[in-house]
């Protein structure tokens, strides 16, 4: 983490791995943001397709490119950028995202007078092709959670038909394009300044962070007038038709998410939904999706780590347990806000 007091403004963090075809488009969109960021960092996770070179060729001034000689994962890479940037806000942006020019300004203005807003997220529209052209399909309108313990991108795959045009309080924002308050990240970072849980490597780490922020009383706002296009390589509707490594991380991290953050009340309130879902996932791993079995093994192997993290998270909580469980019990409903 930054050792000095945060300065005004925001930094942009982009983690890449094999994104040579789109990173230039993303960076050129970032260059058009108004106000401009104080810094833009691309952390390249050992890409073999020339991603770092494509980023350098985008022509963005004051761009910092960090090249890793191995893939340390999305969570660890983003933590490295967070630790090296000074601003009061951090915009986490996927390399297949193209924000509109007013994206950052709208998000920052929405949070300006709300000191306990820890993150703000906008309307993400599905993008197509290497030019990241916007479509009229919702990619994400904030993160919601269900009684089974699932976290979902609200509106994902639905038409942008006006249903997603009201500002709302949501459980969290997708790591693909969310603005985080530095003070909130500092407040919930694990010992060692670990903002995103590095044992997750990739996938679901944004939901785990969102849960920790909720436990400490930091809220998230969805601001529909802040719009970005997101191509999204892995789509929820693809189901099991994902690479084996993705399915493994997904299975592992769905359990780690709860093992880090869920208290006894949550398990009682959300019965039997989480139990049924767990049984279905385990059954699938031993029958039709055996490539995901190592994910279950990982959960057991990491038991010392998640026990320590759980004790730390629940030992520092300030929000009432009923407040947290209500997010899940309502099955994806959000609180609409009159103004941003």
C-alpha atoms as a PDB file:
ATOM      1  CA  UNK A   1       0.000   0.000   0.000  1.00  0.00           C
ATOM      2  CA  UNK A   2       1.020   3.595  -0.394  1.00  0.00           C
ATOM      3  CA  UNK A   3       2.883   4.648   2.749  1.00  0.00           C
ATOM      4  CA  UNK A   4       1.940   8.337   2.486  1.00  0.00           C
ATOM      5  CA  UNK A   5      -1.444   9.980   2.720  1.00  0.00           C
ATOM      6  CA  UNK A   6      -3.450   9.490  -0.504  1.00  0.00           C
ATOM      7  CA  UNK A   7      -3.511  12.460  -2.859  1.00  0.00           C
ATOM      8  CA  UNK A   8      -6.559  13.721  -4.709  1.00  0.00           C
ATOM      9  CA  UNK A   9      -7.550  12.089  -7.978  1.00  0.00           C
ATOM     10  CA  UNK A  10      -7.518   8.516  -9.148  1.00  0.00           C
ATOM     11  CA  UNK A  11      -5.159   5.945 -10.597  1.00  0.00           C
ATOM     12  CA  UNK A  12      -5.973   3.331 -13.236  1.00  0.00           C
ATOM     13  CA  UNK A  13      -4.846  -0.284 -12.801  1.00  0.00           C
ATOM     14  CA  UNK A  14      -5.013  -2.738 -15.709  1.00  0.00           C
ATOM     15  CA  UNK A  15      -3.892  -6.368 -15.370  1.00  0.00           C
ATOM     16  CA  UNK A  16      -3.203  -8.189 -18.633  1.00  0.00           C
ATOM     17  CA  UNK A  17      -2.490 -11.730 -19.779  1.00  0.00           C
ATOM     18  CA  UNK A  18      -2.765 -12.385 -23.495  1.00  0.00           C
ATOM     19  CA  UNK A  19      -4.665  -9.200 -24.400  1.00  0.00           C
ATOM     20  CA  UNK A  20      -2.606  -7.863 -27.293  1.00  0.00           C
ATOM     21  CA  UNK A  21      -5.697  -7.500 -29.494  1.00  0.00           C
ATOM     22  CA  UNK A  22      -7.590  -5.160 -27.160  1.00  0.00           C
ATOM     23  CA  UNK A  23      -5.216  -3.476 -24.715  1.00  0.00           C
ATOM     24  CA  UNK A  24      -4.489  -0.624 -27.122  1.00  0.00           C
ATOM     25  CA  UNK A  25      -8.201   0.150 -27.516  1.00  0.00           C
ATOM     26  CA  UNK A  26      -8.617   0.106 -23.743  1.00  0.00           C
ATOM     27  CA  UNK A  27      -5.677   2.446 -23.193  1.00  0.00           C
ATOM     28  CA  UNK A  28      -6.814   4.894 -25.838  1.00  0.00           C
ATOM     29  CA  UNK A  29     -10.208   5.022 -24.097  1.00  0.00           C
ATOM     30  CA  UNK A  30      -8.424   5.673 -20.799  1.00  0.00           C
ATOM     31  CA  UNK A  31      -6.463   8.493 -22.451  1.00  0.00           C
ATOM     32  CA  UNK A  32      -9.784  10.198 -23.253  1.00  0.00           C
ATOM     33  CA  UNK A  33     -11.065  10.100 -19.665  1.00  0.00           C
ATOM     34  CA  UNK A  34     -11.989  13.481 -18.207  1.00  0.00           C
ATOM     35  CA  UNK A  35     -10.635  14.186 -15.684  1.00  0.00           C
ATOM     36  CA  UNK A  36      -7.507  12.241 -16.606  1.00  0.00           C
ATOM     37  CA  UNK A  37      -6.040   9.783 -14.093  1.00  0.00           C
ATOM     38  CA  UNK A  38      -2.937  10.688 -12.127  1.00  0.00           C
ATOM     39  CA  UNK A  39      -1.312   7.464 -13.314  1.00  0.00           C
ATOM     40  CA  UNK A  40      -2.018   4.493 -15.586  1.00  0.00           C
ATOM     41  CA  UNK A  41      -0.328   1.167 -14.858  1.00  0.00           C
ATOM     42  CA  UNK A  42      -0.458  -1.964 -16.984  1.00  0.00           C
ATOM     43  CA  UNK A  43       0.744  -5.038 -15.116  1.00  0.00           C
ATOM     44  CA  UNK A  44       1.443  -7.731 -17.681  1.00  0.00           C
ATOM     45  CA  UNK A  45       1.296 -11.287 -16.332  1.00  0.00           C
ATOM     46  CA  UNK A  46       3.897 -12.939 -18.574  1.00  0.00           C
ATOM     47  CA  UNK A  47       1.912 -12.608 -21.812  1.00  0.00           C
ATOM     48  CA  UNK A  48       3.385 -14.432 -24.793  1.00  0.00           C
ATOM     49  CA  UNK A  49       1.410 -12.606 -27.497  1.00  0.00           C
ATOM     50  CA  UNK A  50       3.074  -9.181 -27.333  1.00  0.00           C
ATOM     51  CA  UNK A  51       0.572  -7.578 -24.957  1.00  0.00           C
ATOM     52  CA  UNK A  52       3.172  -5.373 -23.286  1.00  0.00           C
ATOM     53  CA  UNK A  53       4.454  -4.208 -26.674  1.00  0.00           C
ATOM     54  CA  UNK A  54       0.896  -3.469 -27.818  1.00  0.00           C
ATOM     55  CA  UNK A  55       0.338  -1.418 -24.669  1.00  0.00           C
ATOM     56  CA  UNK A  56       3.532   0.550 -25.254  1.00  0.00           C
ATOM     57  CA  UNK A  57       2.488   1.224 -28.848  1.00  0.00           C
ATOM     58  CA  UNK A  58      -0.874   2.696 -27.792  1.00  0.00           C
ATOM     59  CA  UNK A  59       0.706   6.124 -27.506  1.00  0.00           C
ATOM     60  CA  UNK A  60      -0.535   6.884 -23.978  1.00  0.00           C
ATOM     61  CA  UNK A  61       1.667   9.415 -22.189  1.00  0.00           C
ATOM     62  CA  UNK A  62       3.063   8.649 -18.728  1.00  0.00           C
ATOM     63  CA  UNK A  63       2.052   4.994 -19.047  1.00  0.00           C
ATOM     64  CA  UNK A  64       3.836   2.608 -16.694  1.00  0.00           C
ATOM     65  CA  UNK A  65       4.178  -1.001 -17.848  1.00  0.00           C
ATOM     66  CA  UNK A  66       5.218  -3.644 -15.335  1.00  0.00           C
ATOM     67  CA  UNK A  67       6.321  -6.912 -16.911  1.00  0.00           C
ATOM     68  CA  UNK A  68       6.199 -10.050 -14.785  1.00  0.00           C
ATOM     69  CA  UNK A  69       8.243 -13.060 -15.841  1.00  0.00           C
ATOM     70  CA  UNK A  70       5.484 -15.358 -14.587  1.00  0.00           C
ATOM     71  CA  UNK A  71       1.716 -15.244 -14.219  1.00  0.00           C
ATOM     72  CA  UNK A  72       1.180 -14.345 -10.566  1.00  0.00           C
ATOM     73  CA  UNK A  73      -2.590 -14.055 -10.987  1.00  0.00           C
ATOM     74  CA  UNK A  74      -5.038 -11.178 -11.233  1.00  0.00           C
ATOM     75  CA  UNK A  75      -5.322 -10.627  -7.479  1.00  0.00           C
ATOM     76  CA  UNK A  76      -1.587 -10.472  -6.771  1.00  0.00           C
ATOM     77  CA  UNK A  77      -0.914  -8.277  -9.810  1.00  0.00           C
ATOM     78  CA  UNK A  78      -3.595  -5.797  -8.825  1.00  0.00           C
ATOM     79  CA  UNK A  79      -2.222  -5.701  -5.292  1.00  0.00           C
ATOM     80  CA  UNK A  80       1.196  -4.746  -6.682  1.00  0.00           C
ATOM     81  CA  UNK A  81      -0.341  -1.808  -8.543  1.00  0.00           C
ATOM     82  CA  UNK A  82      -2.388  -0.709  -5.530  1.00  0.00           C
ATOM     83  CA  UNK A  83       0.767  -0.703  -3.399  1.00  0.00           C
ATOM     84  CA  UNK A  84       2.625   1.532  -5.852  1.00  0.00           C
ATOM     85  CA  UNK A  85      -0.018   4.166  -6.602  1.00  0.00           C
ATOM     86  CA  UNK A  86      -0.812   7.209  -4.448  1.00  0.00           C
ATOM     87  CA  UNK A  87      -4.272   8.519  -5.262  1.00  0.00           C
ATOM     88  CA  UNK A  88      -7.414   8.620  -3.149  1.00  0.00           C
ATOM     89  CA  UNK A  89      -9.267   6.451  -5.674  1.00  0.00           C
ATOM     90  CA  UNK A  90      -8.296   3.463  -7.798  1.00  0.00           C
ATOM     91  CA  UNK A  91     -10.073   2.442 -10.996  1.00  0.00           C
ATOM     92  CA  UNK A  92      -9.709  -1.294 -11.598  1.00  0.00           C
ATOM     93  CA  UNK A  93     -10.141  -1.831 -15.323  1.00  0.00           C
ATOM     94  CA  UNK A  94      -9.957  -4.983 -17.409  1.00  0.00           C
ATOM     95  CA  UNK A  95      -7.997  -4.685 -20.668  1.00  0.00           C
ATOM     96  CA  UNK A  96     -11.113  -5.637 -22.654  1.00  0.00           C
ATOM     97  CA  UNK A  97     -13.000  -2.616 -21.262  1.00  0.00           C
ATOM     98  CA  UNK A  98     -13.462   0.728 -22.974  1.00  0.00           C
ATOM     99  CA  UNK A  99     -14.974   3.399 -20.677  1.00  0.00           C
ATOM    100  CA  UNK A 100     -16.742   6.416 -22.098  1.00  0.00           C
ATOM    101  CA  UNK A 101     -14.887   9.722 -21.585  1.00  0.00           C
ATOM    102  CA  UNK A 102     -17.042  10.798 -18.607  1.00  0.00           C
ATOM    103  CA  UNK A 103     -16.922   7.392 -16.876  1.00  0.00           C
ATOM    104  CA  UNK A 104     -14.529   8.334 -14.060  1.00  0.00           C
ATOM    105  CA  UNK A 105     -16.020  11.780 -13.497  1.00  0.00           C
ATOM    106  CA  UNK A 106     -19.555  10.438 -13.093  1.00  0.00           C
ATOM    107  CA  UNK A 107     -18.405   7.774 -10.631  1.00  0.00           C
ATOM    108  CA  UNK A 108     -16.351  10.206  -8.548  1.00  0.00           C
ATOM    109  CA  UNK A 109     -19.153  12.768  -8.427  1.00  0.00           C
ATOM    110  CA  UNK A 110     -21.604  10.093  -7.270  1.00  0.00           C
ATOM    111  CA  UNK A 111     -19.413   9.259  -4.293  1.00  0.00           C
ATOM    112  CA  UNK A 112     -18.158  12.754  -3.467  1.00  0.00           C
ATOM    113  CA  UNK A 113     -20.581  13.532  -0.637  1.00  0.00           C
ATOM    114  CA  UNK A 114     -20.853   9.997   0.745  1.00  0.00           C
ATOM    115  CA  UNK A 115     -17.792   9.212   2.884  1.00  0.00           C
ATOM    116  CA  UNK A 116     -18.851   5.613   3.577  1.00  0.00           C
ATOM    117  CA  UNK A 117     -19.174   4.702  -0.095  1.00  0.00           C
ATOM    118  CA  UNK A 118     -16.211   2.398  -0.554  1.00  0.00           C
ATOM    119  CA  UNK A 119     -16.739   1.667  -4.243  1.00  0.00           C
ATOM    120  CA  UNK A 120     -18.757   2.887  -7.199  1.00  0.00           C
ATOM    121  CA  UNK A 121     -19.517   0.979 -10.355  1.00  0.00           C
ATOM    122  CA  UNK A 122     -21.235   1.848 -13.599  1.00  0.00           C
ATOM    123  CA  UNK A 123     -23.285   0.243 -16.333  1.00  0.00           C
ATOM    124  CA  UNK A 124     -21.205  -2.172 -18.367  1.00  0.00           C
ATOM    125  CA  UNK A 125     -22.441  -3.021 -21.836  1.00  0.00           C
ATOM    126  CA  UNK A 126     -21.285  -6.081 -23.737  1.00  0.00           C
ATOM    127  CA  UNK A 127     -18.647  -5.252 -26.336  1.00  0.00           C
ATOM    128  CA  UNK A 128     -17.903  -7.028 -29.585  1.00  0.00           C
ATOM    129  CA  UNK A 129     -14.760  -7.412 -31.659  1.00  0.00           C
ATOM    130  CA  UNK A 130     -11.231  -6.058 -31.219  1.00  0.00           C
ATOM    131  CA  UNK A 131     -12.564  -2.498 -31.390  1.00  0.00           C
ATOM    132  CA  UNK A 132     -14.662  -3.142 -28.234  1.00  0.00           C
ATOM    133  CA  UNK A 133     -17.782  -1.768 -29.864  1.00  0.00           C
ATOM    134  CA  UNK A 134     -20.702  -1.239 -27.487  1.00  0.00           C
ATOM    135  CA  UNK A 135     -23.811  -3.368 -27.897  1.00  0.00           C
ATOM    136  CA  UNK A 136     -27.273  -2.937 -26.380  1.00  0.00           C
ATOM    137  CA  UNK A 137     -26.807  -5.911 -24.053  1.00  0.00           C
ATOM    138  CA  UNK A 138     -26.033  -5.500 -20.353  1.00  0.00           C
ATOM    139  CA  UNK A 139     -22.800  -7.034 -19.141  1.00  0.00           C
ATOM    140  CA  UNK A 140     -23.085  -5.891 -15.521  1.00  0.00           C
ATOM    141  CA  UNK A 141     -25.184  -3.421 -13.558  1.00  0.00           C
ATOM    142  CA  UNK A 142     -23.565  -4.023 -10.203  1.00  0.00           C
ATOM    143  CA  UNK A 143     -23.046  -7.216  -8.238  1.00  0.00           C
ATOM    144  CA  UNK A 144     -25.864  -9.027  -6.436  1.00  0.00           C
ATOM    145  CA  UNK A 145     -25.835 -12.149  -4.256  1.00  0.00           C
ATOM    146  CA  UNK A 146     -28.270 -15.020  -3.666  1.00  0.00           C
ATOM    147  CA  UNK A 147     -29.197 -17.278  -0.704  1.00  0.00           C
ATOM    148  CA  UNK A 148     -27.117 -20.093  -2.210  1.00  0.00           C
ATOM    149  CA  UNK A 149     -24.009 -17.920  -1.835  1.00  0.00           C
ATOM    150  CA  UNK A 150     -23.691 -17.115  -5.523  1.00  0.00           C
ATOM    151  CA  UNK A 151     -22.644 -13.687  -6.703  1.00  0.00           C
ATOM    152  CA  UNK A 152     -23.996 -12.503 -10.040  1.00  0.00           C
ATOM    153  CA  UNK A 153     -23.490  -9.596 -12.378  1.00  0.00           C
ATOM    154  CA  UNK A 154     -26.861  -7.910 -12.244  1.00  0.00           C
ATOM    155  CA  UNK A 155     -28.628  -7.844 -15.614  1.00  0.00           C
ATOM    156  CA  UNK A 156     -25.914  -9.857 -17.358  1.00  0.00           C
ATOM    157  CA  UNK A 157     -27.051 -10.885 -20.840  1.00  0.00           C
ATOM    158  CA  UNK A 158     -30.267  -8.828 -20.637  1.00  0.00           C
ATOM    159  CA  UNK A 159     -31.212  -6.042 -23.071  1.00  0.00           C
ATOM    160  CA  UNK A 160     -30.416  -2.471 -22.095  1.00  0.00           C
ATOM    161  CA  UNK A 161     -34.092  -1.541 -22.172  1.00  0.00           C
ATOM    162  CA  UNK A 162     -34.328   0.970 -19.345  1.00  0.00           C
ATOM    163  CA  UNK A 163     -34.605  -1.465 -16.451  1.00  0.00           C
ATOM    164  CA  UNK A 164     -31.027  -0.716 -15.402  1.00  0.00           C
ATOM    165  CA  UNK A 165     -31.219   3.073 -15.525  1.00  0.00           C
ATOM    166  CA  UNK A 166     -31.827   3.843 -11.856  1.00  0.00           C
ATOM    167  CA  UNK A 167     -28.961   4.329  -9.407  1.00  0.00           C
ATOM    168  CA  UNK A 168     -28.905   1.717  -6.662  1.00  0.00           C
ATOM    169  CA  UNK A 169     -27.043   0.415  -3.660  1.00  0.00           C
ATOM    170  CA  UNK A 170     -25.574  -2.936  -4.694  1.00  0.00           C
ATOM    171  CA  UNK A 171     -23.503  -5.564  -2.903  1.00  0.00           C
ATOM    172  CA  UNK A 172     -20.373  -4.746  -4.875  1.00  0.00           C
ATOM    173  CA  UNK A 173     -18.846  -3.985  -8.237  1.00  0.00           C
ATOM    174  CA  UNK A 174     -17.127  -6.179 -10.767  1.00  0.00           C
ATOM    175  CA  UNK A 175     -13.347  -5.934 -10.863  1.00  0.00           C
ATOM    176  CA  UNK A 176     -13.689  -5.346 -14.611  1.00  0.00           C
ATOM    177  CA  UNK A 177     -14.542  -1.667 -14.066  1.00  0.00           C
ATOM    178  CA  UNK A 178     -15.039  -0.377 -10.525  1.00  0.00           C
ATOM    179  CA  UNK A 179     -13.724   2.696  -8.731  1.00  0.00           C
ATOM    180  CA  UNK A 180     -12.477   1.945  -5.190  1.00  0.00           C
ATOM    181  CA  UNK A 181     -11.884   4.409  -2.387  1.00  0.00           C
ATOM    182  CA  UNK A 182      -8.281   4.047  -1.151  1.00  0.00           C
ATOM    183  CA  UNK A 183      -9.342   4.539   2.472  1.00  0.00           C
ATOM    184  CA  UNK A 184     -11.743   1.603   2.168  1.00  0.00           C
ATOM    185  CA  UNK A 185      -9.119  -0.651   0.589  1.00  0.00           C
ATOM    186  CA  UNK A 186      -6.650   0.216   3.343  1.00  0.00           C
ATOM    187  CA  UNK A 187      -9.294  -0.536   5.938  1.00  0.00           C
ATOM    188  CA  UNK A 188     -10.100  -4.060   4.708  1.00  0.00           C
ATOM    189  CA  UNK A 189      -6.674  -5.187   3.485  1.00  0.00           C
ATOM    190  CA  UNK A 190      -5.454  -8.423   5.017  1.00  0.00           C
ATOM    191  CA  UNK A 191      -2.233  -8.251   7.073  1.00  0.00           C
ATOM    192  CA  UNK A 192       0.618  -7.641   4.677  1.00  0.00           C
ATOM    193  CA  UNK A 193      -1.401  -5.057   2.705  1.00  0.00           C
ATOM    194  CA  UNK A 194      -3.191  -7.752   0.701  1.00  0.00           C
ATOM    195  CA  UNK A 195      -6.284  -6.037  -0.686  1.00  0.00           C
ATOM    196  CA  UNK A 196      -7.386  -8.798  -3.057  1.00  0.00           C
ATOM    197  CA  UNK A 197      -7.032 -12.314  -1.646  1.00  0.00           C
ATOM    198  CA  UNK A 198      -4.064 -13.732  -3.515  1.00  0.00           C
ATOM    199  CA  UNK A 199      -5.017 -17.358  -2.794  1.00  0.00           C
ATOM    200  CA  UNK A 200      -7.871 -16.795  -5.260  1.00  0.00           C
ATOM    201  CA  UNK A 201      -5.341 -16.197  -8.088  1.00  0.00           C
ATOM    202  CA  UNK A 202      -8.216 -15.215 -10.406  1.00  0.00           C
ATOM    203  CA  UNK A 203     -12.042 -15.270 -10.454  1.00  0.00           C
ATOM    204  CA  UNK A 204     -14.395 -14.258  -7.617  1.00  0.00           C
ATOM    205  CA  UNK A 205     -11.754 -12.128  -5.893  1.00  0.00           C
ATOM    206  CA  UNK A 206     -13.920  -9.039  -6.470  1.00  0.00           C
ATOM    207  CA  UNK A 207     -16.847 -10.694  -4.631  1.00  0.00           C
ATOM    208  CA  UNK A 208     -14.618 -11.604  -1.699  1.00  0.00           C
ATOM    209  CA  UNK A 209     -13.414  -8.014  -1.455  1.00  0.00           C
ATOM    210  CA  UNK A 210     -17.000  -6.742  -1.723  1.00  0.00           C
ATOM    211  CA  UNK A 211     -18.028  -8.950   1.217  1.00  0.00           C
ATOM    212  CA  UNK A 212     -15.153  -7.688   3.365  1.00  0.00           C
ATOM    213  CA  UNK A 213     -16.085  -4.103   2.515  1.00  0.00           C
ATOM    214  CA  UNK A 214     -19.695  -4.766   3.527  1.00  0.00           C
ATOM    215  CA  UNK A 215     -18.573  -6.230   6.848  1.00  0.00           C
ATOM    216  CA  UNK A 216     -16.723  -2.996   7.618  1.00  0.00           C
ATOM    217  CA  UNK A 217     -19.661  -0.787   6.693  1.00  0.00           C
ATOM    218  CA  UNK A 218     -18.423   0.346   3.267  1.00  0.00           C
ATOM    219  CA  UNK A 219     -21.221   0.515   0.703  1.00  0.00           C
ATOM    220  CA  UNK A 220     -21.177   0.226  -3.094  1.00  0.00           C
ATOM    221  CA  UNK A 221     -23.178   2.424  -5.481  1.00  0.00           C
ATOM    222  CA  UNK A 222     -24.305   1.573  -8.969  1.00  0.00           C
ATOM    223  CA  UNK A 223     -24.316   4.635 -11.232  1.00  0.00           C
ATOM    224  CA  UNK A 224     -26.011   3.881 -14.564  1.00  0.00           C
ATOM    225  CA  UNK A 225     -24.880   7.090 -16.259  1.00  0.00           C
ATOM    226  CA  UNK A 226     -21.264   5.905 -16.033  1.00  0.00           C
ATOM    227  CA  UNK A 227     -20.980   3.572 -19.022  1.00  0.00           C
ATOM    228  CA  UNK A 228     -18.212   1.298 -20.255  1.00  0.00           C
ATOM    229  CA  UNK A 229     -18.042  -1.450 -22.862  1.00  0.00           C
ATOM    230  CA  UNK A 230     -16.745  -4.864 -21.755  1.00  0.00           C
ATOM    231  CA  UNK A 231     -16.034  -7.729 -24.119  1.00  0.00           C
ATOM    232  CA  UNK A 232     -15.732 -10.347 -21.336  1.00  0.00           C
ATOM    233  CA  UNK A 233     -13.831 -13.431 -22.345  1.00  0.00           C
ATOM    234  CA  UNK A 234     -15.641 -15.710 -19.872  1.00  0.00           C
ATOM    235  CA  UNK A 235     -19.399 -15.378 -19.871  1.00  0.00           C
ATOM    236  CA  UNK A 236     -21.726 -16.880 -17.227  1.00  0.00           C
ATOM    237  CA  UNK A 237     -23.978 -18.431 -19.851  1.00  0.00           C
ATOM    238  CA  UNK A 238     -21.086 -20.602 -21.021  1.00  0.00           C
ATOM    239  CA  UNK A 239     -21.507 -22.754 -17.899  1.00  0.00           C
ATOM    240  CA  UNK A 240     -19.128 -25.712 -17.844  1.00  0.00           C
ATOM    241  CA  UNK A 241     -17.873 -24.893 -21.344  1.00  0.00           C
ATOM    242  CA  UNK A 242     -14.885 -23.083 -19.860  1.00  0.00           C
ATOM    243  CA  UNK A 243     -11.216 -24.109 -19.816  1.00  0.00           C
ATOM    244  CA  UNK A 244     -10.420 -26.692 -17.140  1.00  0.00           C
ATOM    245  CA  UNK A 245      -8.239 -24.263 -15.178  1.00  0.00           C
ATOM    246  CA  UNK A 246     -11.089 -21.741 -15.050  1.00  0.00           C
ATOM    247  CA  UNK A 247     -13.520 -24.337 -13.727  1.00  0.00           C
ATOM    248  CA  UNK A 248     -10.983 -25.398 -11.105  1.00  0.00           C
ATOM    249  CA  UNK A 249     -10.447 -21.851  -9.831  1.00  0.00           C
ATOM    250  CA  UNK A 250     -14.167 -21.181  -9.959  1.00  0.00           C
ATOM    251  CA  UNK A 251     -15.002 -24.221  -7.823  1.00  0.00           C
ATOM    252  CA  UNK A 252     -12.187 -23.565  -5.374  1.00  0.00           C
ATOM    253  CA  UNK A 253     -12.951 -19.898  -4.958  1.00  0.00           C
ATOM    254  CA  UNK A 254     -16.714 -20.316  -4.505  1.00  0.00           C
ATOM    255  CA  UNK A 255     -15.927 -22.226  -1.308  1.00  0.00           C
ATOM    256  CA  UNK A 256     -13.072 -19.939  -0.236  1.00  0.00           C
ATOM    257  CA  UNK A 257     -15.402 -16.949  -0.616  1.00  0.00           C
ATOM    258  CA  UNK A 258     -17.714 -18.295   2.086  1.00  0.00           C
ATOM    259  CA  UNK A 259     -14.928 -19.712   4.221  1.00  0.00           C
ATOM    260  CA  UNK A 260     -13.395 -16.241   4.400  1.00  0.00           C
ATOM    261  CA  UNK A 261     -16.523 -14.205   5.004  1.00  0.00           C
ATOM    262  CA  UNK A 262     -19.689 -16.106   6.038  1.00  0.00           C
ATOM    263  CA  UNK A 263     -20.633 -16.195   9.722  1.00  0.00           C
ATOM    264  CA  UNK A 264     -22.935 -18.567  11.578  1.00  0.00           C
ATOM    265  CA  UNK A 265     -26.003 -16.360  11.085  1.00  0.00           C
ATOM    266  CA  UNK A 266     -25.470 -16.366   7.330  1.00  0.00           C
ATOM    267  CA  UNK A 267     -25.407 -20.178   7.254  1.00  0.00           C
ATOM    268  CA  UNK A 268     -28.591 -20.379   9.302  1.00  0.00           C
ATOM    269  CA  UNK A 269     -30.513 -17.695   7.410  1.00  0.00           C
ATOM    270  CA  UNK A 270     -29.533 -19.051   3.995  1.00  0.00           C
ATOM    271  CA  UNK A 271     -30.353 -22.691   4.687  1.00  0.00           C
ATOM    272  CA  UNK A 272     -31.119 -24.842   2.730  1.00  0.00           C
ATOM    273  CA  UNK A 273     -30.074 -22.963  -0.420  1.00  0.00           C
ATOM    274  CA  UNK A 274     -26.312 -22.966   0.111  1.00  0.00           C
ATOM    275  CA  UNK A 275     -26.332 -26.602   1.212  1.00  0.00           C
ATOM    276  CA  UNK A 276     -28.257 -27.733  -1.857  1.00  0.00           C
ATOM    277  CA  UNK A 277     -25.942 -25.736  -4.091  1.00  0.00           C
ATOM    278  CA  UNK A 278     -22.866 -27.209  -2.403  1.00  0.00           C
ATOM    279  CA  UNK A 279     -24.151 -30.746  -2.900  1.00  0.00           C
ATOM    280  CA  UNK A 280     -24.844 -30.061  -6.571  1.00  0.00           C
ATOM    281  CA  UNK A 281     -21.348 -28.640  -7.118  1.00  0.00           C
ATOM    282  CA  UNK A 282     -19.625 -31.516  -5.344  1.00  0.00           C
ATOM    283  CA  UNK A 283     -21.732 -34.066  -7.220  1.00  0.00           C
ATOM    284  CA  UNK A 284     -20.831 -32.425 -10.526  1.00  0.00           C
ATOM    285  CA  UNK A 285     -17.131 -32.510  -9.636  1.00  0.00           C
ATOM    286  CA  UNK A 286     -17.180 -36.266  -9.043  1.00  0.00           C
ATOM    287  CA  UNK A 287     -19.319 -37.101 -12.082  1.00  0.00           C
ATOM    288  CA  UNK A 288     -19.516 -34.815 -15.125  1.00  0.00           C
ATOM    289  CA  UNK A 289     -16.811 -32.241 -14.324  1.00  0.00           C
ATOM    290  CA  UNK A 290     -13.951 -34.231 -12.843  1.00  0.00           C
ATOM    291  CA  UNK A 291     -11.385 -31.717 -14.060  1.00  0.00           C
ATOM    292  CA  UNK A 292     -12.695 -29.457 -11.259  1.00  0.00           C
ATOM    293  CA  UNK A 293     -11.917 -31.985  -8.508  1.00  0.00           C
ATOM    294  CA  UNK A 294      -8.519 -30.370  -7.846  1.00  0.00           C
ATOM    295  CA  UNK A 295     -10.455 -27.259  -6.817  1.00  0.00           C
ATOM    296  CA  UNK A 296     -11.976 -29.182  -3.919  1.00  0.00           C
ATOM    297  CA  UNK A 297      -8.550 -30.540  -3.022  1.00  0.00           C
ATOM    298  CA  UNK A 298      -7.236 -26.964  -2.969  1.00  0.00           C
ATOM    299  CA  UNK A 299      -9.878 -25.983  -0.406  1.00  0.00           C
ATOM    300  CA  UNK A 300      -8.635 -28.681   1.962  1.00  0.00           C
ATOM    301  CA  UNK A 301      -4.995 -27.859   1.281  1.00  0.00           C
ATOM    302  CA  UNK A 302      -5.581 -24.173   2.079  1.00  0.00           C
ATOM    303  CA  UNK A 303      -7.453 -24.836   5.338  1.00  0.00           C
ATOM    304  CA  UNK A 304      -4.868 -23.128   7.565  1.00  0.00           C
ATOM    305  CA  UNK A 305      -4.910 -20.031   5.373  1.00  0.00           C
ATOM    306  CA  UNK A 306      -8.702 -19.677   5.163  1.00  0.00           C
ATOM    307  CA  UNK A 307      -9.136 -20.299   8.878  1.00  0.00           C
ATOM    308  CA  UNK A 308      -6.761 -17.451   9.652  1.00  0.00           C
ATOM    309  CA  UNK A 309      -8.435 -15.155   7.137  1.00  0.00           C
ATOM    310  CA  UNK A 310     -11.898 -16.002   8.447  1.00  0.00           C
ATOM    311  CA  UNK A 311     -10.873 -15.230  12.026  1.00  0.00           C
ATOM    312  CA  UNK A 312      -9.398 -11.907  10.878  1.00  0.00           C
ATOM    313  CA  UNK A 313     -12.414 -10.881   8.777  1.00  0.00           C
ATOM    314  CA  UNK A 314     -15.071 -11.780  11.338  1.00  0.00           C
ATOM    315  CA  UNK A 315     -12.997 -10.411  14.194  1.00  0.00           C
ATOM    316  CA  UNK A 316     -12.970  -6.937  12.602  1.00  0.00           C
ATOM    317  CA  UNK A 317     -16.574  -6.703  11.407  1.00  0.00           C
ATOM    318  CA  UNK A 318     -18.541  -3.613  12.326  1.00  0.00           C
ATOM    319  CA  UNK A 319     -21.739  -4.068  10.294  1.00  0.00           C
ATOM    320  CA  UNK A 320     -24.573  -6.066  11.914  1.00  0.00           C
ATOM    321  CA  UNK A 321     -24.768  -9.689  10.828  1.00  0.00           C
ATOM    322  CA  UNK A 322     -28.422  -9.233   9.881  1.00  0.00           C
ATOM    323  CA  UNK A 323     -27.395  -6.498   7.443  1.00  0.00           C
ATOM    324  CA  UNK A 324     -25.031  -8.843   5.625  1.00  0.00           C
ATOM    325  CA  UNK A 325     -27.392 -11.824   5.522  1.00  0.00           C
ATOM    326  CA  UNK A 326     -30.199  -9.577   4.227  1.00  0.00           C
ATOM    327  CA  UNK A 327     -28.239  -8.990   1.009  1.00  0.00           C
ATOM    328  CA  UNK A 328     -28.285 -12.735   0.332  1.00  0.00           C
ATOM    329  CA  UNK A 329     -31.759 -13.508   1.641  1.00  0.00           C
ATOM    330  CA  UNK A 330     -33.429 -11.048  -0.726  1.00  0.00           C
ATOM    331  CA  UNK A 331     -32.077 -13.007  -3.699  1.00  0.00           C
ATOM    332  CA  UNK A 332     -30.661 -10.214  -5.824  1.00  0.00           C
ATOM    333  CA  UNK A 333     -32.944  -7.301  -5.036  1.00  0.00           C
ATOM    334  CA  UNK A 334     -31.229  -3.951  -4.601  1.00  0.00           C
ATOM    335  CA  UNK A 335     -32.101  -0.668  -2.956  1.00  0.00           C
ATOM    336  CA  UNK A 336     -32.830   1.921  -5.605  1.00  0.00           C
ATOM    337  CA  UNK A 337     -31.599   5.435  -4.877  1.00  0.00           C
ATOM    338  CA  UNK A 338     -33.251   8.684  -5.818  1.00  0.00           C
ATOM    339  CA  UNK A 339     -30.038  10.407  -6.792  1.00  0.00           C
ATOM    340  CA  UNK A 340     -26.425   9.433  -7.321  1.00  0.00           C
END
